[in-house]
Amino acid sequence: TIRKVQDINNRRRAAYEEKAAETGTTVEQVALVTGEK
C-alpha cells in the first residue's frame, strides 16, 4: 500500500509540474488547489 501511494503521488507530482509549467503557476499552487477539491 505504501509503495502504491508513493507511486500515485509521484504521478500526481508529475501532472502538477506539467500543469504548472503550462500555466505559469507553481507546482505548489496547483497541488494545493487540487488538494482542496
PDB file of all heavy atoms in Angstrom:
ATOM      1  N   THR A   1       0.840  -1.200   0.000  1.00  0.00           N
ATOM      2  CA  THR A   1       0.000   0.000   0.000  1.00  0.00           C
ATOM      3  C   THR A   1       0.874   1.249   0.000  1.00  0.00           C
ATOM      4  O   THR A   1       0.626   2.187  -0.776  1.00  0.00           O
ATOM      5  CB  THR A   1      -0.953   0.000   1.210  1.00  0.00           C
ATOM      6  OG1 THR A   1      -1.783  -1.166   1.145  1.00  0.00           O
ATOM      7  CG2 THR A   1      -1.815   1.243   1.231  1.00  0.00           C
ATOM      8  N   ILE A   2       1.890   1.263   0.832  1.00  0.00           N
ATOM      9  CA  ILE A   2       2.789   2.420   0.889  1.00  0.00           C
ATOM     10  C   ILE A   2       3.455   2.653  -0.459  1.00  0.00           C
ATOM     11  O   ILE A   2       3.535   3.784  -0.941  1.00  0.00           O
ATOM     12  CB  ILE A   2       3.829   2.242   2.010  1.00  0.00           C
ATOM     13  CG1 ILE A   2       3.133   2.292   3.372  1.00  0.00           C
ATOM     14  CG2 ILE A   2       4.938   3.290   1.908  1.00  0.00           C
ATOM     15  CD1 ILE A   2       4.003   1.886   4.538  1.00  0.00           C
ATOM     16  N   ARG A   3       3.915   1.578  -1.091  1.00  0.00           N
ATOM     17  CA  ARG A   3       4.562   1.711  -2.402  1.00  0.00           C
ATOM     18  C   ARG A   3       3.589   2.279  -3.432  1.00  0.00           C
ATOM     19  O   ARG A   3       3.931   3.161  -4.211  1.00  0.00           O
ATOM     20  CB  ARG A   3       5.089   0.348  -2.865  1.00  0.00           C
ATOM     21  CG  ARG A   3       5.828   0.412  -4.211  1.00  0.00           C
ATOM     22  CD  ARG A   3       6.218  -0.969  -4.715  1.00  0.00           C
ATOM     23  NE  ARG A   3       5.092  -1.882  -4.875  1.00  0.00           N
ATOM     24  CZ  ARG A   3       4.207  -1.832  -5.873  1.00  0.00           C
ATOM     25  NH1 ARG A   3       4.290  -0.883  -6.793  1.00  0.00           N
ATOM     26  NH2 ARG A   3       3.226  -2.707  -5.960  1.00  0.00           N
ATOM     27  N   LYS A   4       2.353   1.807  -3.405  1.00  0.00           N
ATOM     28  CA  LYS A   4       1.364   2.286  -4.372  1.00  0.00           C
ATOM     29  C   LYS A   4       0.988   3.748  -4.108  1.00  0.00           C
ATOM     30  O   LYS A   4       0.803   4.522  -5.051  1.00  0.00           O
ATOM     31  CB  LYS A   4       0.137   1.390  -4.375  1.00  0.00           C
ATOM     32  CG  LYS A   4       0.422   0.041  -5.006  1.00  0.00           C
ATOM     33  CD  LYS A   4      -0.806  -0.818  -5.124  1.00  0.00           C
ATOM     34  CE  LYS A   4      -0.433  -2.137  -5.768  1.00  0.00           C
ATOM     35  NZ  LYS A   4      -1.077  -2.326  -7.046  1.00  0.00           N
ATOM     36  N   VAL A   5       0.900   4.139  -2.850  1.00  0.00           N
ATOM     37  CA  VAL A   5       0.634   5.540  -2.518  1.00  0.00           C
ATOM     38  C   VAL A   5       1.776   6.415  -3.036  1.00  0.00           C
ATOM     39  O   VAL A   5       1.534   7.476  -3.634  1.00  0.00           O
ATOM     40  CB  VAL A   5       0.422   5.727  -0.997  1.00  0.00           C
ATOM     41  CG1 VAL A   5       0.488   7.193  -0.604  1.00  0.00           C
ATOM     42  CG2 VAL A   5      -0.907   5.121  -0.568  1.00  0.00           C
ATOM     43  N   GLN A   6       3.000   5.974  -2.835  1.00  0.00           N
ATOM     44  CA  GLN A   6       4.147   6.745  -3.327  1.00  0.00           C
ATOM     45  C   GLN A   6       4.125   6.854  -4.846  1.00  0.00           C
ATOM     46  O   GLN A   6       4.413   7.920  -5.405  1.00  0.00           O
ATOM     47  CB  GLN A   6       5.456   6.103  -2.854  1.00  0.00           C
ATOM     48  CG  GLN A   6       5.691   6.255  -1.371  1.00  0.00           C
ATOM     49  CD  GLN A   6       6.856   5.420  -0.860  1.00  0.00           C
ATOM     50  OE1 GLN A   6       7.262   4.432  -1.471  1.00  0.00           O
ATOM     51  NE2 GLN A   6       7.392   5.822   0.281  1.00  0.00           N
ATOM     52  N   ASP A   7       3.762   5.768  -5.527  1.00  0.00           N
ATOM     53  CA  ASP A   7       3.672   5.785  -6.984  1.00  0.00           C
ATOM     54  C   ASP A   7       2.606   6.770  -7.456  1.00  0.00           C
ATOM     55  O   ASP A   7       2.841   7.572  -8.372  1.00  0.00           O
ATOM     56  CB  ASP A   7       3.377   4.381  -7.514  1.00  0.00           C
ATOM     57  CG  ASP A   7       3.289   4.350  -9.022  1.00  0.00           C
ATOM     58  OD1 ASP A   7       4.258   4.782  -9.687  1.00  0.00           O
ATOM     59  OD2 ASP A   7       2.240   3.889  -9.555  1.00  0.00           O
ATOM     60  N   ILE A   8       1.446   6.732  -6.825  1.00  0.00           N
ATOM     61  CA  ILE A   8       0.374   7.664  -7.176  1.00  0.00           C
ATOM     62  C   ILE A   8       0.825   9.098  -6.937  1.00  0.00           C
ATOM     63  O   ILE A   8       0.614   9.982  -7.774  1.00  0.00           O
ATOM     64  CB  ILE A   8      -0.905   7.347  -6.387  1.00  0.00           C
ATOM     65  CG1 ILE A   8      -1.510   6.036  -6.898  1.00  0.00           C
ATOM     66  CG2 ILE A   8      -1.920   8.488  -6.478  1.00  0.00           C
ATOM     67  CD1 ILE A   8      -2.542   5.435  -5.990  1.00  0.00           C
ATOM     68  N   ASN A   9       1.464   9.349  -5.807  1.00  0.00           N
ATOM     69  CA  ASN A   9       1.930  10.704  -5.507  1.00  0.00           C
ATOM     70  C   ASN A   9       2.988  11.166  -6.496  1.00  0.00           C
ATOM     71  O   ASN A   9       3.013  12.346  -6.872  1.00  0.00           O
ATOM     72  CB  ASN A   9       2.430  10.793  -4.071  1.00  0.00           C
ATOM     73  CG  ASN A   9       1.295  10.797  -3.077  1.00  0.00           C
ATOM     74  OD1 ASN A   9       0.152  11.084  -3.414  1.00  0.00           O
ATOM     75  ND2 ASN A   9       1.599  10.469  -1.834  1.00  0.00           N
ATOM     76  N   ASN A  10       3.841  10.265  -6.942  1.00  0.00           N
ATOM     77  CA  ASN A  10       4.833  10.626  -7.965  1.00  0.00           C
ATOM     78  C   ASN A  10       4.143  11.007  -9.270  1.00  0.00           C
ATOM     79  O   ASN A  10       4.538  11.977  -9.930  1.00  0.00           O
ATOM     80  CB  ASN A  10       5.810   9.474  -8.199  1.00  0.00           C
ATOM     81  CG  ASN A  10       6.757   9.263  -7.047  1.00  0.00           C
ATOM     82  OD1 ASN A  10       6.986  10.155  -6.225  1.00  0.00           O
ATOM     83  ND2 ASN A  10       7.328   8.070  -6.959  1.00  0.00           N
ATOM     84  N   ARG A  11       3.096  10.259  -9.627  1.00  0.00           N
ATOM     85  CA  ARG A  11       2.363  10.591 -10.854  1.00  0.00           C
ATOM     86  C   ARG A  11       1.598  11.905 -10.707  1.00  0.00           C
ATOM     87  O   ARG A  11       1.529  12.707 -11.646  1.00  0.00           O
ATOM     88  CB  ARG A  11       1.421   9.453 -11.240  1.00  0.00           C
ATOM     89  CG  ARG A  11       2.206   8.265 -11.806  1.00  0.00           C
ATOM     90  CD  ARG A  11       1.300   7.217 -12.365  1.00  0.00           C
ATOM     91  NE  ARG A  11       0.960   6.295 -11.274  1.00  0.00           N
ATOM     92  CZ  ARG A  11      -0.098   5.513 -11.267  1.00  0.00           C
ATOM     93  NH1 ARG A  11      -0.961   5.541 -12.254  1.00  0.00           N
ATOM     94  NH2 ARG A  11      -0.327   4.697 -10.261  1.00  0.00           N
ATOM     95  N   ARG A  12       1.041  12.136  -9.519  1.00  0.00           N
ATOM     96  CA  ARG A  12       0.366  13.415  -9.285  1.00  0.00           C
ATOM     97  C   ARG A  12       1.366  14.558  -9.401  1.00  0.00           C
ATOM     98  O   ARG A  12       1.090  15.567 -10.041  1.00  0.00           O
ATOM     99  CB  ARG A  12      -0.299  13.436  -7.909  1.00  0.00           C
ATOM    100  CG  ARG A  12      -1.573  12.629  -7.834  1.00  0.00           C
ATOM    101  CD  ARG A  12      -2.241  12.793  -6.492  1.00  0.00           C
ATOM    102  NE  ARG A  12      -3.477  12.026  -6.396  1.00  0.00           N
ATOM    103  CZ  ARG A  12      -4.309  12.089  -5.370  1.00  0.00           C
ATOM    104  NH1 ARG A  12      -4.052  12.883  -4.340  1.00  0.00           N
ATOM    105  NH2 ARG A  12      -5.404  11.360  -5.355  1.00  0.00           N
ATOM    106  N   ARG A  13       2.516  14.406  -8.774  1.00  0.00           N
ATOM    107  CA  ARG A  13       3.543  15.458  -8.814  1.00  0.00           C
ATOM    108  C   ARG A  13       3.927  15.773 -10.264  1.00  0.00           C
ATOM    109  O   ARG A  13       4.045  16.948 -10.637  1.00  0.00           O
ATOM    110  CB  ARG A  13       4.768  15.025  -8.005  1.00  0.00           C
ATOM    111  CG  ARG A  13       5.963  15.932  -8.113  1.00  0.00           C
ATOM    112  CD  ARG A  13       5.870  17.081  -7.198  1.00  0.00           C
ATOM    113  NE  ARG A  13       7.030  17.963  -7.394  1.00  0.00           N
ATOM    114  CZ  ARG A  13       7.243  19.019  -6.695  1.00  0.00           C
ATOM    115  NH1 ARG A  13       6.407  19.361  -5.737  1.00  0.00           N
ATOM    116  NH2 ARG A  13       8.274  19.772  -6.926  1.00  0.00           N
ATOM    117  N   ALA A  14       4.117  14.741 -11.072  1.00  0.00           N
ATOM    118  CA  ALA A  14       4.467  14.960 -12.479  1.00  0.00           C
ATOM    119  C   ALA A  14       3.362  15.722 -13.202  1.00  0.00           C
ATOM    120  O   ALA A  14       3.637  16.639 -13.997  1.00  0.00           O
ATOM    121  CB  ALA A  14       4.735  13.621 -13.169  1.00  0.00           C
ATOM    122  N   ALA A  15       2.109  15.373 -12.933  1.00  0.00           N
ATOM    123  CA  ALA A  15       0.989  16.081 -13.561  1.00  0.00           C
ATOM    124  C   ALA A  15       0.922  17.526 -13.077  1.00  0.00           C
ATOM    125  O   ALA A  15       0.676  18.440 -13.870  1.00  0.00           O
ATOM    126  CB  ALA A  15      -0.322  15.355 -13.259  1.00  0.00           C
ATOM    127  N   TYR A  16       1.156  17.739 -11.788  1.00  0.00           N
ATOM    128  CA  TYR A  16       1.151  19.104 -11.244  1.00  0.00           C
ATOM    129  C   TYR A  16       2.273  19.929 -11.879  1.00  0.00           C
ATOM    130  O   TYR A  16       2.084  21.104 -12.206  1.00  0.00           O
ATOM    131  CB  TYR A  16       1.319  19.108  -9.726  1.00  0.00           C
ATOM    132  CG  TYR A  16       0.226  18.409  -8.946  1.00  0.00           C
ATOM    133  CD1 TYR A  16       0.455  17.993  -7.641  1.00  0.00           C
ATOM    134  CD2 TYR A  16      -1.038  18.166  -9.482  1.00  0.00           C
ATOM    135  CE1 TYR A  16      -0.538  17.363  -6.892  1.00  0.00           C
ATOM    136  CE2 TYR A  16      -2.032  17.531  -8.743  1.00  0.00           C
ATOM    137  CZ  TYR A  16      -1.773  17.131  -7.458  1.00  0.00           C
ATOM    138  OH  TYR A  16      -2.748  16.505  -6.720  1.00  0.00           O
ATOM    139  N   GLU A  17       3.443  19.323 -12.054  1.00  0.00           N
ATOM    140  CA  GLU A  17       4.564  20.029 -12.678  1.00  0.00           C
ATOM    141  C   GLU A  17       4.223  20.433 -14.106  1.00  0.00           C
ATOM    142  O   GLU A  17       4.511  21.555 -14.539  1.00  0.00           O
ATOM    143  CB  GLU A  17       5.816  19.154 -12.666  1.00  0.00           C
ATOM    144  CG  GLU A  17       6.431  18.996 -11.295  1.00  0.00           C
ATOM    145  CD  GLU A  17       7.555  17.972 -11.254  1.00  0.00           C
ATOM    146  OE1 GLU A  17       7.748  17.222 -12.240  1.00  0.00           O
ATOM    147  OE2 GLU A  17       8.242  17.915 -10.211  1.00  0.00           O
ATOM    148  N   GLU A  18       3.606  19.517 -14.836  1.00  0.00           N
ATOM    149  CA  GLU A  18       3.225  19.796 -16.216  1.00  0.00           C
ATOM    150  C   GLU A  18       2.214  20.942 -16.289  1.00  0.00           C
ATOM    151  O   GLU A  18       2.363  21.874 -17.084  1.00  0.00           O
ATOM    152  CB  GLU A  18       2.645  18.530 -16.839  1.00  0.00           C
ATOM    153  CG  GLU A  18       2.285  18.671 -18.297  1.00  0.00           C
ATOM    154  CD  GLU A  18       1.750  17.372 -18.867  1.00  0.00           C
ATOM    155  OE1 GLU A  18       2.328  16.306 -18.583  1.00  0.00           O
ATOM    156  OE2 GLU A  18       0.744  17.438 -19.599  1.00  0.00           O
ATOM    157  N   LYS A  19       1.186  20.877 -15.427  1.00  0.00           N
ATOM    158  CA  LYS A  19       0.156  21.922 -15.428  1.00  0.00           C
ATOM    159  C   LYS A  19       0.730  23.265 -14.989  1.00  0.00           C
ATOM    160  O   LYS A  19       0.373  24.305 -15.536  1.00  0.00           O
ATOM    161  CB  LYS A  19      -1.017  21.540 -14.522  1.00  0.00           C
ATOM    162  CG  LYS A  19      -1.811  20.374 -15.019  1.00  0.00           C
ATOM    163  CD  LYS A  19      -2.468  20.670 -16.346  1.00  0.00           C
ATOM    164  CE  LYS A  19      -3.343  19.521 -16.783  1.00  0.00           C
ATOM    165  NZ  LYS A  19      -3.929  19.760 -18.098  1.00  0.00           N
ATOM    166  N   ALA A  20       1.612  23.245 -14.026  1.00  0.00           N
ATOM    167  CA  ALA A  20       2.223  24.490 -13.559  1.00  0.00           C
ATOM    168  C   ALA A  20       3.055  25.124 -14.680  1.00  0.00           C
ATOM    169  O   ALA A  20       2.999  26.339 -14.895  1.00  0.00           O
ATOM    170  CB  ALA A  20       3.088  24.232 -12.329  1.00  0.00           C
ATOM    171  N   ALA A  21       3.801  24.319 -15.395  1.00  0.00           N
ATOM    172  CA  ALA A  21       4.614  24.833 -16.496  1.00  0.00           C
ATOM    173  C   ALA A  21       3.748  25.396 -17.618  1.00  0.00           C
ATOM    174  O   ALA A  21       4.064  26.435 -18.197  1.00  0.00           O
ATOM    175  CB  ALA A  21       5.522  23.730 -17.037  1.00  0.00           C
ATOM    176  N   GLU A  22       2.638  24.729 -17.899  1.00  0.00           N
ATOM    177  CA  GLU A  22       1.726  25.177 -18.959  1.00  0.00           C
ATOM    178  C   GLU A  22       1.084  26.515 -18.630  1.00  0.00           C
ATOM    179  O   GLU A  22       0.782  27.298 -19.525  1.00  0.00           O
ATOM    180  CB  GLU A  22       0.610  24.157 -19.180  1.00  0.00           C
ATOM    181  CG  GLU A  22       1.024  22.883 -19.854  1.00  0.00           C
ATOM    182  CD  GLU A  22      -0.102  21.861 -19.887  1.00  0.00           C
ATOM    183  OE1 GLU A  22      -1.243  22.181 -19.483  1.00  0.00           O
ATOM    184  OE2 GLU A  22       0.168  20.722 -20.306  1.00  0.00           O
ATOM    185  N   THR A  23       0.833  26.767 -17.347  1.00  0.00           N
ATOM    186  CA  THR A  23       0.057  27.940 -16.961  1.00  0.00           C
ATOM    187  C   THR A  23       0.855  29.034 -16.274  1.00  0.00           C
ATOM    188  O   THR A  23       0.301  30.076 -15.938  1.00  0.00           O
ATOM    189  CB  THR A  23      -1.090  27.528 -16.029  1.00  0.00           C
ATOM    190  OG1 THR A  23      -0.532  26.909 -14.876  1.00  0.00           O
ATOM    191  CG2 THR A  23      -2.044  26.577 -16.724  1.00  0.00           C
ATOM    192  N   GLY A  24       2.123  28.784 -16.017  1.00  0.00           N
ATOM    193  CA  GLY A  24       2.939  29.799 -15.356  1.00  0.00           C
ATOM    194  C   GLY A  24       2.677  29.911 -13.868  1.00  0.00           C
ATOM    195  O   GLY A  24       2.981  30.931 -13.253  1.00  0.00           O
ATOM    196  N   THR A  25       2.089  28.888 -13.280  1.00  0.00           N
ATOM    197  CA  THR A  25       1.875  28.870 -11.838  1.00  0.00           C
ATOM    198  C   THR A  25       2.938  27.980 -11.205  1.00  0.00           C
ATOM    199  O   THR A  25       3.807  27.448 -11.898  1.00  0.00           O
ATOM    200  CB  THR A  25       0.472  28.334 -11.488  1.00  0.00           C
ATOM    201  OG1 THR A  25       0.346  27.004 -12.012  1.00  0.00           O
ATOM    202  CG2 THR A  25      -0.621  29.211 -12.046  1.00  0.00           C
ATOM    203  N   THR A  26       2.864  27.794  -9.913  1.00  0.00           N
ATOM    204  CA  THR A  26       3.824  26.905  -9.258  1.00  0.00           C
ATOM    205  C   THR A  26       3.201  25.535  -9.030  1.00  0.00           C
ATOM    206  O   THR A  26       1.973  25.399  -8.993  1.00  0.00           O
ATOM    207  CB  THR A  26       4.273  27.469  -7.890  1.00  0.00           C
ATOM    208  OG1 THR A  26       3.154  27.442  -6.989  1.00  0.00           O
ATOM    209  CG2 THR A  26       4.820  28.876  -8.012  1.00  0.00           C
ATOM    210  N   VAL A  27       4.050  24.552  -8.863  1.00  0.00           N
ATOM    211  CA  VAL A  27       3.595  23.199  -8.548  1.00  0.00           C
ATOM    212  C   VAL A  27       2.778  23.223  -7.262  1.00  0.00           C
ATOM    213  O   VAL A  27       1.732  22.578  -7.161  1.00  0.00           O
ATOM    214  CB  VAL A  27       4.800  22.243  -8.419  1.00  0.00           C
ATOM    215  CG1 VAL A  27       4.368  20.870  -7.915  1.00  0.00           C
ATOM    216  CG2 VAL A  27       5.525  22.129  -9.745  1.00  0.00           C
ATOM    217  N   GLU A  28       3.248  23.988  -6.288  1.00  0.00           N
ATOM    218  CA  GLU A  28       2.557  24.060  -5.001  1.00  0.00           C
ATOM    219  C   GLU A  28       1.154  24.634  -5.143  1.00  0.00           C
ATOM    220  O   GLU A  28       0.225  24.162  -4.497  1.00  0.00           O
ATOM    221  CB  GLU A  28       3.375  24.879  -4.000  1.00  0.00           C
ATOM    222  CG  GLU A  28       4.666  24.207  -3.565  1.00  0.00           C
ATOM    223  CD  GLU A  28       5.773  24.231  -4.626  1.00  0.00           C
ATOM    224  OE1 GLU A  28       5.735  25.088  -5.549  1.00  0.00           O
ATOM    225  OE2 GLU A  28       6.666  23.385  -4.537  1.00  0.00           O
ATOM    226  N   GLN A  29       1.000  25.675  -5.987  1.00  0.00           N
ATOM    227  CA  GLN A  29      -0.329  26.252  -6.191  1.00  0.00           C
ATOM    228  C   GLN A  29      -1.273  25.228  -6.804  1.00  0.00           C
ATOM    229  O   GLN A  29      -2.414  25.070  -6.354  1.00  0.00           O
ATOM    230  CB  GLN A  29      -0.261  27.486  -7.107  1.00  0.00           C
ATOM    231  CG  GLN A  29       0.309  28.710  -6.448  1.00  0.00           C
ATOM    232  CD  GLN A  29       0.447  29.854  -7.444  1.00  0.00           C
ATOM    233  OE1 GLN A  29       0.987  29.677  -8.537  1.00  0.00           O
ATOM    234  NE2 GLN A  29      -0.047  31.017  -7.058  1.00  0.00           N
ATOM    235  N   VAL A  30      -0.809  24.542  -7.823  1.00  0.00           N
ATOM    236  CA  VAL A  30      -1.643  23.532  -8.476  1.00  0.00           C
ATOM    237  C   VAL A  30      -1.996  22.430  -7.485  1.00  0.00           C
ATOM    238  O   VAL A  30      -3.155  22.024  -7.376  1.00  0.00           O
ATOM    239  CB  VAL A  30      -0.936  22.947  -9.714  1.00  0.00           C
ATOM    240  CG1 VAL A  30      -1.748  21.799 -10.309  1.00  0.00           C
ATOM    241  CG2 VAL A  30      -0.694  24.030 -10.755  1.00  0.00           C
ATOM    242  N   ALA A  31      -1.008  21.955  -6.727  1.00  0.00           N
ATOM    243  CA  ALA A  31      -1.238  20.870  -5.771  1.00  0.00           C
ATOM    244  C   ALA A  31      -2.206  21.287  -4.668  1.00  0.00           C
ATOM    245  O   ALA A  31      -3.107  20.520  -4.303  1.00  0.00           O
ATOM    246  CB  ALA A  31       0.090  20.411  -5.173  1.00  0.00           C
ATOM    247  N   LEU A  32      -2.045  22.493  -4.133  1.00  0.00           N
ATOM    248  CA  LEU A  32      -2.920  22.944  -3.044  1.00  0.00           C
ATOM    249  C   LEU A  32      -4.365  23.099  -3.496  1.00  0.00           C
ATOM    250  O   LEU A  32      -5.290  22.674  -2.793  1.00  0.00           O
ATOM    251  CB  LEU A  32      -2.409  24.261  -2.464  1.00  0.00           C
ATOM    252  CG  LEU A  32      -1.174  24.159  -1.583  1.00  0.00           C
ATOM    253  CD1 LEU A  32      -0.650  25.546  -1.227  1.00  0.00           C
ATOM    254  CD2 LEU A  32      -1.471  23.358  -0.326  1.00  0.00           C
ATOM    255  N   VAL A  33      -4.569  23.689  -4.653  1.00  0.00           N
ATOM    256  CA  VAL A  33      -5.940  23.860  -5.138  1.00  0.00           C
ATOM    257  C   VAL A  33      -6.546  22.498  -5.455  1.00  0.00           C
ATOM    258  O   VAL A  33      -7.713  22.241  -5.149  1.00  0.00           O
ATOM    259  CB  VAL A  33      -5.984  24.808  -6.358  1.00  0.00           C
ATOM    260  CG1 VAL A  33      -7.376  24.865  -6.956  1.00  0.00           C
ATOM    261  CG2 VAL A  33      -5.527  26.201  -5.951  1.00  0.00           C
ATOM    262  N   THR A  34      -5.743  21.605  -6.026  1.00  0.00           N
ATOM    263  CA  THR A  34      -6.227  20.257  -6.297  1.00  0.00           C
ATOM    264  C   THR A  34      -6.571  19.550  -4.988  1.00  0.00           C
ATOM    265  O   THR A  34      -7.604  18.890  -4.884  1.00  0.00           O
ATOM    266  CB  THR A  34      -5.186  19.442  -7.082  1.00  0.00           C
ATOM    267  OG1 THR A  34      -4.889  20.130  -8.299  1.00  0.00           O
ATOM    268  CG2 THR A  34      -5.710  18.052  -7.406  1.00  0.00           C
ATOM    269  N   GLY A  35      -5.717  19.708  -3.977  1.00  0.00           N
ATOM    270  CA  GLY A  35      -5.985  19.110  -2.668  1.00  0.00           C
ATOM    271  C   GLY A  35      -7.293  19.583  -2.081  1.00  0.00           C
ATOM    272  O   GLY A  35      -8.067  18.789  -1.537  1.00  0.00           O
ATOM    273  N   GLU A  36      -7.566  20.873  -2.196  1.00  0.00           N
ATOM    274  CA  GLU A  36      -8.836  21.420  -1.698  1.00  0.00           C
ATOM    275  C   GLU A  36     -10.019  20.750  -2.390  1.00  0.00           C
ATOM    276  O   GLU A  36     -11.009  20.388  -1.743  1.00  0.00           O
ATOM    277  CB  GLU A  36      -8.902  22.926  -1.932  1.00  0.00           C
ATOM    278  CG  GLU A  36      -7.965  23.730  -1.069  1.00  0.00           C
ATOM    279  CD  GLU A  36      -7.966  25.208  -1.433  1.00  0.00           C
ATOM    280  OE1 GLU A  36      -8.804  25.632  -2.265  1.00  0.00           O
ATOM    281  OE2 GLU A  36      -7.116  25.934  -0.892  1.00  0.00           O
ATOM    282  N   LYS A  37      -9.910  20.583  -3.695  1.00  0.00           N
ATOM    283  CA  LYS A  37     -11.009  19.977  -4.457  1.00  0.00           C
ATOM    284  C   LYS A  37     -11.170  18.498  -4.111  1.00  0.00           C
ATOM    285  O   LYS A  37     -12.292  18.009  -3.975  1.00  0.00           O
ATOM    286  CB  LYS A  37     -10.773  20.134  -5.968  1.00  0.00           C
ATOM    287  CG  LYS A  37     -10.670  21.559  -6.424  1.00  0.00           C
ATOM    288  CD  LYS A  37     -11.970  22.277  -6.230  1.00  0.00           C
ATOM    289  CE  LYS A  37     -11.847  23.704  -6.719  1.00  0.00           C
ATOM    290  NZ  LYS A  37     -13.007  24.504  -6.387  1.00  0.00           N
TER     291      LYS A  37
END
